[in-house]
Each structure stands twice: as structure tokens, then as C-alpha cells.
Amino acid sequence: MTLPKPETCALCGRPLGRNWNVHHLVPKTFGGRVTVPMHRICHSKIHSVFTERELLQQYHTIEALLSHEAIADFVKWVKKKDPDFHAPTAKDKRKKK
């Protein structure tokens, strides 16, 4: 059974284009099963800023993600882009390996 394509990105709220994927609110490595649709660039940004443990412990909701300054700034910037816009996402220097 094929599920219908969602209409908007859970992070930025823009319509989804051709290239989108899902983000596990709680990382799969920690047993997360709930997913939300996102543009590839939005998903990449989340994983460039946070470690899996940070996502588990503090940033496991859209509201929590949007409360982080780097994500809020990114969303403000990307909202002006076309739904199919994609660019490489640089790693955040604050993220620990």
C-alpha cells in the first residue's frame, strides 16, 4: 500500500516538492517510530546541528527544534526558497561528534 504524499514540510511549512523524506522525531537508534515529512534540506539542517542524543533528550518535537536559534534562523531563510530548492548543508561547528 502506498501512502499519499504529505503536502507540507513539518519544519518550515512550505509545500513539499519532489525531493523530501521523513524525520524521526526520536532517532531510530533510540527506538523512535514517529516520523514527520520534511524537505531534504530541512532534514539535513537538523542533523547538521544536533547529535542523536540531543535529538532524543531535548529536540524531539517540532516546537523544540524551532526554539533553537540556528534552526529558527534557517527556517526564516529557507521559507523564501522554492519547494525544490536544495543546497549542501554545512556542519554546525558547535555539534560534537
Protein backbone atom coordinates (compact mmCIF):
# COMPACT_ATOMS: atom_id res chain seq x y z
CA MET A 1 0.00 0.00 0.00
CA THR A 2 1.36 3.43 -0.94
CA LEU A 3 0.60 6.32 1.36
CA PRO A 4 -0.32 9.68 -0.18
CA LYS A 5 2.41 12.31 -0.27
CA PRO A 6 2.08 14.83 2.56
CA GLU A 7 1.54 18.41 1.47
CA THR A 8 3.83 20.48 3.70
CA CYS A 9 7.16 20.26 5.49
CA ALA A 10 6.79 19.80 9.23
CA LEU A 11 9.73 22.13 9.92
CA CYS A 12 9.40 25.08 7.53
CA GLY A 13 5.75 24.77 6.49
CA ARG A 14 6.50 25.17 2.77
CA PRO A 15 4.81 22.84 0.27
CA LEU A 16 6.81 19.68 -0.33
CA GLY A 17 8.46 19.40 -3.72
CA ARG A 18 9.84 16.35 -5.49
CA ASN A 19 12.66 15.63 -3.03
CA TRP A 20 11.51 15.08 0.51
CA ASN A 21 11.98 12.48 3.19
CA VAL A 22 10.91 11.79 6.75
CA HIS A 23 12.48 12.77 10.05
CA HIS A 24 12.20 10.53 13.11
CA LEU A 25 11.31 12.84 16.00
CA VAL A 26 13.04 10.40 18.34
CA PRO A 27 16.03 8.95 16.45
CA LYS A 28 15.66 5.39 15.16
CA THR A 29 18.82 4.48 17.09
CA PHE A 30 16.80 5.09 20.27
CA GLY A 31 13.70 3.25 19.08
CA GLY A 32 11.86 6.20 17.55
CA ARG A 33 8.97 5.35 15.25
CA VAL A 34 7.06 8.60 14.79
CA THR A 35 8.07 10.41 11.60
CA VAL A 36 7.21 13.72 10.00
CA PRO A 37 7.66 14.78 6.35
CA MET A 38 10.43 17.27 5.55
CA HIS A 39 12.34 18.75 2.68
CA ARG A 40 15.75 17.14 2.34
CA ILE A 41 17.44 20.46 3.15
CA CYS A 42 15.39 20.91 6.34
CA HIS A 43 16.16 17.36 7.45
CA SER A 44 19.86 17.82 6.68
CA LYS A 45 19.96 21.03 8.71
CA ILE A 46 18.57 19.30 11.79
CA HIS A 47 21.20 16.58 11.61
CA SER A 48 23.98 19.09 10.96
CA VAL A 49 23.14 20.94 14.18
CA PHE A 50 22.18 18.19 16.65
CA THR A 51 23.60 14.88 17.76
CA GLU A 52 21.28 11.89 18.01
CA ARG A 53 21.42 12.17 21.80
CA GLU A 54 20.46 15.87 21.71
CA LEU A 55 17.50 14.99 19.49
CA LEU A 56 16.45 12.28 21.96
CA GLN A 57 16.86 14.35 25.11
CA GLN A 58 15.81 17.84 24.10
CA TYR A 59 14.80 18.33 20.46
CA HIS A 60 12.24 15.57 19.81
CA THR A 61 9.35 17.87 18.88
CA ILE A 62 8.94 20.41 16.08
CA GLU A 63 8.36 23.12 18.69
CA ALA A 64 11.64 22.30 20.44
CA LEU A 65 13.53 22.26 17.13
CA LEU A 66 12.12 25.66 16.18
CA SER A 67 13.10 27.08 19.57
CA HIS A 68 16.79 26.61 18.74
CA GLU A 69 18.35 29.77 17.28
CA ALA A 70 20.20 28.02 14.42
CA ILE A 71 17.05 26.20 13.29
CA ALA A 72 14.85 29.30 13.64
CA ASP A 73 17.32 31.34 11.56
CA PHE A 74 17.48 28.58 8.95
CA VAL A 75 13.68 28.34 8.67
CA LYS A 76 13.41 32.12 8.28
CA TRP A 77 15.92 31.93 5.41
CA VAL A 78 14.58 28.81 3.68
CA LYS A 79 10.92 29.93 3.73
CA LYS A 80 11.78 32.26 0.83
CA LYS A 81 13.05 29.39 -1.33
CA ASP A 82 11.29 27.26 -3.91
CA PRO A 83 9.96 23.91 -2.56
CA ASP A 84 12.52 22.02 -4.68
CA PHE A 85 15.47 24.17 -3.56
CA HIS A 86 18.38 22.18 -2.16
CA ALA A 87 21.94 23.11 -1.28
CA PRO A 88 24.66 21.40 0.73
CA THR A 89 24.26 21.93 4.46
CA ALA A 90 27.45 22.82 6.31
CA LYS A 91 28.09 21.14 9.62
CA ASP A 92 27.49 23.33 12.63
CA LYS A 93 30.80 23.95 14.40
CA ARG A 94 29.07 23.59 17.79
CA LYS A 95 27.98 20.00 17.12
CA LYS A 96 30.04 17.44 18.98
CA LYS A 97 30.88 14.13 17.35
